[in-house]
Amino acid sequence: MRAYSASSEEAVRTRDLLKDWHSEGLLTAEQYQRMEQETVCDLRRTNIFLRLVLFLFTLVIAGAAAGLFFTVFFPHTGQQTIGIFLLMFAVAYYAAAEFAVARMRLYRYGIEEALLTCAVVSLCLGLQLAFFGTVYSSAPPLGTGWEVPAAGVIASLWIWHRFGLPYAPVAAMLFVVELSSDWAASLTSRHLIIAALYSAGLVAVMSLRRRHRFTYLDREYSIGEALLWLGIYLAFNLQFSLTSVSWLGWGVSASTTQFPRPFYWTTWVLIWCLPPLVLARGLRGKDRFVIAAGAVMAALTLVTNKPYLGWPRQTWDPMLLGALLTVVAIWLAKGPGGIRRGFTARRLSAKDKHWINIGVSTIGFAAPDMVTPPHRQTDSADFHFGGGDSGGGGASSDF
């Protein structure tokens, strides 16, 4: 039921590896050209920048087409009628994506990805309008409206299975968060529901990985497993969740006092136990995505530990984390040949360099928000600048 044949996806994976090896000098130009000719692939691909441009343009065109349709033919129609037509648009968007893949042979081209995104959005919005008559802005009655996020979960998982888009599981996980708010009223119950659903998904993904351990699908399931581990961790890290509660769509003002103390301290224990467990699994299988998830979880545990315990944050807290990472890197580098048990701190490929640069940029962007610096005050509230002269032509002013 995959949109792409196994041979085509294997060829794509092989060509990516060849390009990576050639950029690092592991293959000569002649070797690269000869091996590339042996891995012919009929799929059409593009670079990441054009892919993003095509994605955005397709979103604009698809949205404008739907808006023009309703403006011309149904300018004053009811909400339920709009919902029915949005469901039709969802089918049309999905059919267009299937056509782009089957006939035009697009692979991660931006166009088919935008069409699938429009299909999921139109499906959820159409169901909401067709069955409930409005897009509510406040919390709906408990036990109602869960069909919409459930449809989003199913659609996202199908797209992941059919097209292998790595961000489709993220969409499904976000729909699960919304689904929990329709099933439970208390924050404690919502966290438990999210963790339970993510755990069920994790068991399913780990079971599927065993069947495809040495195929091209292993990387896809590796990403899914890493995301689910991270989702379970975030469901239990109450300090991190509270900072994102409005973004998650729960629509309430939350604080740690809303959680029972046994549950609160149990989650504190779990956020310390999960990172080493995930890191051990990733290291045992040399799974870079699971290792990355474990490392992110460990960093978040160190960042949120003080808020959990009610301790004030200090400006030098990130320095301690940096010192710890430096010690680990030096320990790896001091091993025989810079390697310890198959692991090294050295960059081995151009792809590693690309991801490291992205990680450094992300951390640099987020670092100012991780620490709350002490509030600085002026020596005197009545302090006033004065005595400066400005301009020519006889003009002067105090500032």
Protein backbone atom coordinates (compact mmCIF):
# COMPACT_ATOMS: atom_id res chain seq x y z
CA MET A 1 0.00 0.00 0.00
CA ARG A 2 3.00 2.31 -0.36
CA ALA A 3 2.83 5.07 -2.97
CA TYR A 4 6.42 4.35 -4.00
CA SER A 5 7.90 1.00 -4.90
CA ALA A 6 10.53 -0.55 -2.65
CA SER A 7 13.13 -0.44 -5.43
CA SER A 8 12.57 3.30 -5.98
CA GLU A 9 12.92 4.13 -2.29
CA GLU A 10 16.00 1.95 -1.98
CA ALA A 11 17.50 3.79 -4.97
CA VAL A 12 16.77 7.15 -3.36
CA ARG A 13 18.42 6.04 -0.13
CA THR A 14 21.45 4.67 -1.98
CA ARG A 15 21.92 7.84 -4.03
CA ASP A 16 21.79 9.95 -0.88
CA LEU A 17 24.50 7.80 0.68
CA LEU A 18 26.64 8.02 -2.46
CA LYS A 19 26.35 11.79 -2.51
CA ASP A 20 27.26 11.95 1.16
CA TRP A 21 30.29 9.69 0.72
CA HIS A 22 31.47 11.60 -2.34
CA SER A 23 31.26 14.95 -0.54
CA GLU A 24 33.50 13.57 2.21
CA GLY A 25 36.08 12.22 -0.25
CA LEU A 26 35.33 8.57 0.49
CA LEU A 27 34.59 8.03 -3.20
CA THR A 28 36.42 9.39 -6.23
CA ALA A 29 34.52 11.21 -8.96
CA GLU A 30 34.78 8.17 -11.24
CA GLN A 31 33.55 5.80 -8.55
CA TYR A 32 30.68 8.11 -7.73
CA GLN A 33 29.56 8.45 -11.36
CA ARG A 34 29.80 4.73 -12.00
CA MET A 35 27.86 3.77 -8.87
CA GLU A 36 25.28 6.49 -9.47
CA GLN A 37 24.57 5.08 -12.94
CA GLU A 38 23.87 1.72 -11.34
CA THR A 39 21.19 3.20 -9.08
CA VAL A 40 18.79 4.68 -11.60
CA CYS A 41 15.73 6.28 -10.00
CA ASP A 42 12.67 7.53 -11.88
CA LEU A 43 11.44 9.75 -9.03
CA ARG A 44 11.62 13.53 -9.42
CA ARG A 45 13.32 15.33 -6.53
CA THR A 46 14.51 18.84 -5.73
CA ASN A 47 16.60 20.68 -3.16
CA ILE A 48 15.21 21.80 0.18
CA PHE A 49 14.90 25.48 -0.78
CA LEU A 50 12.86 24.91 -3.93
CA ARG A 51 10.89 22.29 -2.04
CA LEU A 52 9.83 24.88 0.55
CA VAL A 53 8.97 27.43 -2.15
CA LEU A 54 6.82 24.91 -4.04
CA PHE A 55 5.17 23.87 -0.77
CA LEU A 56 4.20 27.45 0.08
CA PHE A 57 3.05 28.30 -3.46
CA THR A 58 0.91 25.16 -3.61
CA LEU A 59 -0.66 26.02 -0.26
CA VAL A 60 -1.49 29.52 -1.52
CA ILE A 61 -2.92 28.23 -4.80
CA ALA A 62 -4.99 25.49 -3.13
CA GLY A 63 -6.35 27.87 -0.49
CA ALA A 64 -7.10 30.56 -3.07
CA ALA A 65 -8.95 28.05 -5.26
CA ALA A 66 -11.17 27.02 -2.35
CA GLY A 67 -11.77 30.64 -1.35
CA LEU A 68 -12.64 31.65 -4.92
CA PHE A 69 -15.07 28.74 -5.21
CA PHE A 70 -17.01 29.77 -2.11
CA THR A 71 -16.91 33.47 -3.03
CA VAL A 72 -18.30 32.91 -6.53
CA PHE A 73 -20.79 30.09 -6.02
CA PHE A 74 -21.77 30.20 -2.32
CA PRO A 75 -21.18 33.72 -0.97
CA HIS A 76 -23.95 33.49 1.66
CA THR A 77 -24.27 29.79 2.36
CA GLY A 78 -24.52 28.17 5.78
CA GLN A 79 -21.70 26.68 7.82
CA GLN A 80 -22.82 23.09 7.34
CA THR A 81 -22.91 23.48 3.55
CA ILE A 82 -19.40 24.90 3.63
CA GLY A 83 -18.33 21.91 5.71
CA ILE A 84 -19.73 19.45 3.17
CA PHE A 85 -17.92 21.15 0.33
CA LEU A 86 -14.70 21.24 2.37
CA LEU A 87 -14.94 17.47 2.69
CA MET A 88 -15.20 17.31 -1.09
CA PHE A 89 -12.15 19.55 -1.37
CA ALA A 90 -10.30 17.21 0.99
CA VAL A 91 -10.99 14.32 -1.38
CA ALA A 92 -9.91 16.44 -4.36
CA TYR A 93 -6.66 17.50 -2.66
CA TYR A 94 -5.81 13.92 -1.77
CA ALA A 95 -6.62 12.71 -5.29
CA ALA A 96 -4.37 15.45 -6.71
CA ALA A 97 -1.54 14.33 -4.42
CA GLU A 98 -1.96 10.72 -5.54
CA PHE A 99 -1.91 11.87 -9.18
CA ALA A 100 1.25 13.94 -8.61
CA VAL A 101 3.00 10.91 -7.15
CA ALA A 102 1.69 8.28 -9.57
CA ARG A 103 1.90 10.23 -12.84
CA MET A 104 4.42 13.00 -12.24
CA ARG A 105 6.62 10.79 -9.99
CA LEU A 106 7.17 13.53 -7.41
CA TYR A 107 9.14 12.55 -4.30
CA ARG A 108 9.49 15.07 -1.47
CA TYR A 109 8.86 17.76 -4.06
CA GLY A 110 6.77 20.14 -1.97
CA ILE A 111 3.73 20.05 -4.25
CA GLU A 112 2.32 16.69 -3.14
CA GLU A 113 3.20 17.50 0.48
CA ALA A 114 1.20 20.74 0.36
CA LEU A 115 -1.77 18.96 -1.23
CA LEU A 116 -1.75 16.33 1.53
CA THR A 117 -1.56 19.08 4.16
CA CYS A 118 -4.56 20.81 2.58
CA ALA A 119 -6.41 17.49 2.52
CA VAL A 120 -5.97 16.94 6.27
CA VAL A 121 -6.88 20.55 7.14
CA SER A 122 -9.96 20.48 4.88
CA LEU A 123 -11.01 17.12 6.33
CA CYS A 124 -10.88 18.31 9.94
CA LEU A 125 -12.40 21.73 9.24
CA GLY A 126 -15.10 20.19 7.06
CA LEU A 127 -16.06 17.64 9.72
CA GLN A 128 -16.21 20.38 12.34
CA LEU A 129 -18.49 22.59 10.25
CA ALA A 130 -20.63 19.78 8.80
CA PHE A 131 -21.43 18.06 12.10
CA PHE A 132 -21.15 20.88 14.65
CA GLY A 133 -22.03 23.92 12.53
CA THR A 134 -19.25 26.14 13.84
CA VAL A 135 -15.57 26.34 14.64
CA TYR A 136 -15.76 26.85 18.39
CA SER A 137 -13.33 29.23 20.05
CA SER A 138 -14.02 28.06 23.60
CA ALA A 139 -13.80 24.60 25.11
CA PRO A 140 -16.67 22.35 23.89
CA PRO A 141 -18.73 20.20 26.25
CA LEU A 142 -16.80 17.22 27.56
CA GLY A 143 -17.17 14.12 25.43
CA THR A 144 -18.12 15.98 22.24
CA GLY A 145 -16.07 16.89 19.21
CA TRP A 146 -13.57 14.05 19.62
CA GLU A 147 -14.44 12.72 16.17
CA VAL A 148 -12.57 15.59 14.48
CA PRO A 149 -9.13 15.04 16.07
CA ALA A 150 -9.67 11.27 15.78
CA ALA A 151 -10.12 11.73 12.03
CA GLY A 152 -6.96 13.86 12.01
CA VAL A 153 -5.02 11.08 13.73
CA ILE A 154 -6.23 8.45 11.26
CA ALA A 155 -5.56 10.66 8.23
CA SER A 156 -2.06 11.59 9.42
CA LEU A 157 -1.14 7.97 10.12
CA TRP A 158 -2.44 6.90 6.71
CA ILE A 159 -0.33 9.60 5.00
CA TRP A 160 2.70 8.41 6.98
CA HIS A 161 2.08 4.83 5.90
CA ARG A 162 1.26 5.69 2.30
CA PHE A 163 3.84 8.39 1.51
CA GLY A 164 6.37 8.04 4.32
CA LEU A 165 6.44 11.75 5.19
CA PRO A 166 8.52 12.02 8.38
CA TYR A 167 6.45 14.87 9.85
CA ALA A 168 3.10 13.06 9.50
CA PRO A 169 3.59 11.32 12.90
CA VAL A 170 4.09 14.76 14.47
CA ALA A 171 0.68 15.84 13.14
CA ALA A 172 -0.90 12.66 14.50
CA MET A 173 0.65 13.29 17.92
CA LEU A 174 -0.69 16.85 17.98
CA PHE A 175 -4.16 15.56 17.13
CA VAL A 176 -3.84 13.13 20.06
CA VAL A 177 -3.22 16.11 22.36
CA GLU A 178 -6.42 17.73 21.13
CA LEU A 179 -8.24 14.41 21.45
CA SER A 180 -7.32 14.17 25.14
CA SER A 181 -8.97 17.54 25.86
CA ASP A 182 -12.26 16.17 24.48
CA TRP A 183 -12.10 13.04 26.63
CA ALA A 184 -11.04 14.40 30.02
CA ALA A 185 -11.53 17.56 32.04
CA SER A 186 -8.58 17.46 34.45
CA LEU A 187 -5.01 18.09 33.36
CA THR A 188 -3.85 14.95 35.17
CA SER A 189 -6.20 12.75 33.14
CA ARG A 190 -5.15 14.44 29.91
CA HIS A 191 -1.48 13.81 30.57
CA LEU A 192 -2.21 10.16 31.35
CA ILE A 193 -4.35 9.72 28.22
CA ILE A 194 -1.65 11.24 26.01
CA ALA A 195 1.06 9.09 27.58
CA ALA A 196 -1.10 5.95 27.23
CA LEU A 197 -1.87 6.57 23.54
CA TYR A 198 1.75 7.40 22.77
CA SER A 199 2.85 4.25 24.60
CA ALA A 200 0.43 2.14 22.55
CA GLY A 201 1.82 3.70 19.38
CA LEU A 202 5.36 3.05 20.58
CA VAL A 203 4.65 -0.64 21.13
CA ALA A 204 3.15 -0.89 17.64
CA VAL A 205 6.10 0.89 15.99
CA MET A 206 8.68 -1.23 17.84
CA SER A 207 6.85 -4.36 16.76
CA LEU A 208 6.85 -3.23 13.11
CA ARG A 209 10.54 -2.33 13.24
CA ARG A 210 11.49 -5.93 13.98
CA ARG A 211 10.07 -7.01 10.62
CA HIS A 212 11.89 -4.30 8.65
CA ARG A 213 15.17 -4.08 10.55
CA PHE A 214 17.38 -4.26 7.45
CA THR A 215 15.15 -2.48 4.92
CA TYR A 216 14.63 1.14 3.93
CA LEU A 217 11.60 1.26 6.25
CA ASP A 218 13.79 0.92 9.35
CA ARG A 219 14.80 4.59 9.15
CA GLU A 220 11.15 5.65 8.89
CA TYR A 221 10.15 3.60 11.92
CA SER A 222 13.24 4.85 13.75
CA ILE A 223 11.99 8.44 13.37
CA GLY A 224 8.52 7.39 14.55
CA GLU A 225 9.93 5.62 17.59
CA ALA A 226 12.10 8.61 18.52
CA LEU A 227 9.13 10.98 18.24
CA LEU A 228 6.95 8.73 20.41
CA TRP A 229 9.63 8.43 23.10
CA LEU A 230 9.93 12.21 23.10
CA GLY A 231 6.13 12.59 23.21
CA ILE A 232 5.84 10.29 26.23
CA TYR A 233 8.55 12.27 27.98
CA LEU A 234 6.87 15.61 27.25
CA ALA A 235 3.54 14.24 28.50
CA PHE A 236 5.18 13.51 31.86
CA ASN A 237 7.38 16.61 32.10
CA LEU A 238 4.83 18.88 33.73
CA GLN A 239 7.13 21.88 33.92
CA PHE A 240 7.71 21.85 30.18
CA SER A 241 4.05 21.16 29.44
CA LEU A 242 2.85 24.05 31.58
CA THR A 243 4.86 26.53 29.54
CA SER A 244 3.15 25.25 26.37
CA VAL A 245 -0.36 24.67 27.70
CA SER A 246 -1.99 27.44 25.65
CA TRP A 247 -0.13 26.35 22.51
CA LEU A 248 -1.36 22.79 22.99
CA GLY A 249 -4.91 24.09 22.83
CA TRP A 250 -6.02 23.16 26.34
CA GLY A 251 -7.24 26.73 26.88
CA VAL A 252 -6.71 26.90 30.63
CA SER A 253 -4.32 28.65 32.95
CA ALA A 254 -2.36 25.83 34.53
CA SER A 255 -0.02 25.63 37.48
CA THR A 256 1.67 22.85 39.40
CA THR A 257 -0.88 23.15 42.19
CA GLN A 258 -3.51 21.64 39.87
CA PHE A 259 -1.76 18.27 39.97
CA PRO A 260 -1.95 15.83 42.93
CA ARG A 261 1.35 15.70 44.77
CA PRO A 262 1.85 11.93 44.23
CA PHE A 263 1.36 12.39 40.47
CA TYR A 264 3.62 15.46 40.43
CA TRP A 265 6.55 13.74 42.12
CA THR A 266 6.02 10.54 40.14
CA THR A 267 6.47 12.53 36.94
CA TRP A 268 9.66 14.03 38.40
CA VAL A 269 11.03 10.53 38.91
CA LEU A 270 9.97 9.52 35.39
CA ILE A 271 11.70 12.44 33.66
CA TRP A 272 14.94 11.28 35.30
CA CYS A 273 14.39 7.60 34.42
CA LEU A 274 13.29 7.95 30.79
CA PRO A 275 16.40 9.66 29.30
CA PRO A 276 18.90 6.96 30.35
CA LEU A 277 16.44 4.25 29.25
CA VAL A 278 16.05 5.80 25.80
CA LEU A 279 19.76 6.51 25.47
CA ALA A 280 20.58 2.90 26.40
CA ARG A 281 18.18 1.60 23.74
CA GLY A 282 19.58 3.95 21.12
CA LEU A 283 23.19 3.15 21.94
CA ARG A 284 22.54 -0.59 21.97
CA GLY A 285 21.03 -0.44 18.49
CA LYS A 286 23.26 2.41 17.26
CA ASP A 287 20.05 4.24 16.36
CA ARG A 288 20.93 7.89 15.86
CA PHE A 289 17.34 9.18 16.00
CA VAL A 290 16.57 7.42 19.28
CA ILE A 291 19.94 8.60 20.65
CA ALA A 292 19.05 12.17 19.64
CA ALA A 293 15.66 11.84 21.37
CA GLY A 294 17.35 10.58 24.55
CA ALA A 295 19.85 13.45 24.45
CA VAL A 296 17.07 16.02 24.04
CA MET A 297 15.18 14.46 26.93
CA ALA A 298 18.28 14.53 29.14
CA ALA A 299 18.85 18.21 28.33
CA LEU A 300 15.21 19.07 29.08
CA THR A 301 15.43 17.21 32.38
CA LEU A 302 18.42 19.29 33.42
CA VAL A 303 16.70 22.51 32.30
CA THR A 304 13.39 21.80 34.10
CA ASN A 305 14.77 20.17 37.26
CA LYS A 306 15.10 23.43 39.20
CA PRO A 307 11.52 24.58 38.42
CA TYR A 308 10.31 21.12 39.50
CA LEU A 309 12.04 21.54 42.87
CA GLY A 310 11.09 25.19 43.20
CA TRP A 311 14.69 26.40 43.00
CA PRO A 312 15.54 29.70 41.27
CA ARG A 313 17.34 29.56 37.94
CA GLN A 314 20.76 31.16 37.56
CA THR A 315 22.40 32.74 34.53
CA TRP A 316 25.28 30.28 34.78
CA ASP A 317 23.10 27.16 34.55
CA PRO A 318 23.69 26.70 30.77
CA MET A 319 27.45 26.88 31.43
CA LEU A 320 27.24 23.73 33.55
CA LEU A 321 25.43 21.89 30.74
CA GLY A 322 28.03 23.05 28.24
CA ALA A 323 30.84 21.91 30.54
CA LEU A 324 29.22 18.47 30.88
CA LEU A 325 28.90 18.06 27.11
CA THR A 326 32.49 19.20 26.65
CA VAL A 327 33.71 16.58 29.13
CA VAL A 328 31.79 13.85 27.27
CA ALA A 329 33.23 14.97 23.90
CA ILE A 330 36.79 15.02 25.31
CA TRP A 331 36.29 11.58 26.85
CA LEU A 332 35.25 10.19 23.47
CA ALA A 333 38.11 11.97 21.68
CA LYS A 334 40.70 10.52 24.10
CA GLY A 335 39.78 6.98 23.16
CA PRO A 336 41.94 4.85 20.84
CA GLY A 337 41.70 6.55 17.46
CA GLY A 338 39.07 8.91 18.89
CA ILE A 339 36.62 6.03 19.22
CA ARG A 340 35.10 4.34 22.26
CA ARG A 341 32.98 1.21 21.68
CA GLY A 342 32.05 2.32 18.18
CA PHE A 343 31.16 5.91 19.13
CA THR A 344 33.12 9.02 18.31
CA ALA A 345 32.82 12.78 18.72
CA ARG A 346 34.22 13.37 15.24
CA ARG A 347 32.06 14.35 12.30
CA LEU A 348 31.90 11.44 9.89
CA SER A 349 29.80 12.81 7.05
CA ALA A 350 28.50 16.00 5.49
CA LYS A 351 25.02 15.09 6.70
CA ASP A 352 26.29 15.14 10.28
CA LYS A 353 27.70 18.62 9.72
CA HIS A 354 24.36 19.80 8.32
CA TRP A 355 22.40 18.54 11.33
CA ILE A 356 24.97 19.87 13.79
CA ASN A 357 24.71 23.33 12.23
CA ILE A 358 20.92 23.19 12.50
CA GLY A 359 21.16 22.08 16.14
CA VAL A 360 23.61 24.85 17.03
CA SER A 361 21.41 27.46 15.37
CA THR A 362 18.33 26.15 17.18
CA ILE A 363 20.03 26.11 20.57
CA GLY A 364 21.43 29.59 19.99
CA PHE A 365 17.96 30.86 19.13
CA ALA A 366 16.29 29.22 22.15
CA ALA A 367 19.03 29.80 24.72
CA PRO A 368 17.96 33.35 25.75
CA ASP A 369 14.57 31.98 26.84
CA MET A 370 16.01 29.15 28.96
CA VAL A 371 17.32 31.41 31.68
CA THR A 372 15.54 34.29 33.34
CA PRO A 373 18.22 36.86 34.19
CA PRO A 374 17.90 38.90 37.36
CA HIS A 375 15.90 42.07 36.99
CA ARG A 376 18.11 45.11 36.63
CA GLN A 377 16.99 48.39 38.09
CA THR A 378 18.36 51.88 37.80
CA ASP A 379 19.91 53.47 40.84
CA SER A 380 17.23 56.12 41.05
CA ALA A 381 13.72 56.27 39.71
CA ASP A 382 14.02 60.04 39.29
CA PHE A 383 17.18 59.88 37.19
CA HIS A 384 16.88 62.21 34.18
CA PHE A 385 19.19 62.71 31.25
CA GLY A 386 19.80 66.37 30.48
CA GLY A 387 22.17 68.97 29.23
CA GLY A 388 22.50 67.78 25.65
CA ASP A 389 22.17 70.17 22.74
CA SER A 390 20.73 69.09 19.44
CA GLY A 391 20.77 70.51 15.95
CA GLY A 392 21.85 73.76 14.44
CA GLY A 393 20.07 76.97 13.53
CA GLY A 394 19.59 77.92 17.15
CA ALA A 395 17.68 74.73 18.07
CA SER A 396 18.49 73.12 21.41
CA SER A 397 16.88 70.50 23.56
CA ASP A 398 17.44 68.55 26.73
CA PHE A 399 17.45 64.78 26.46
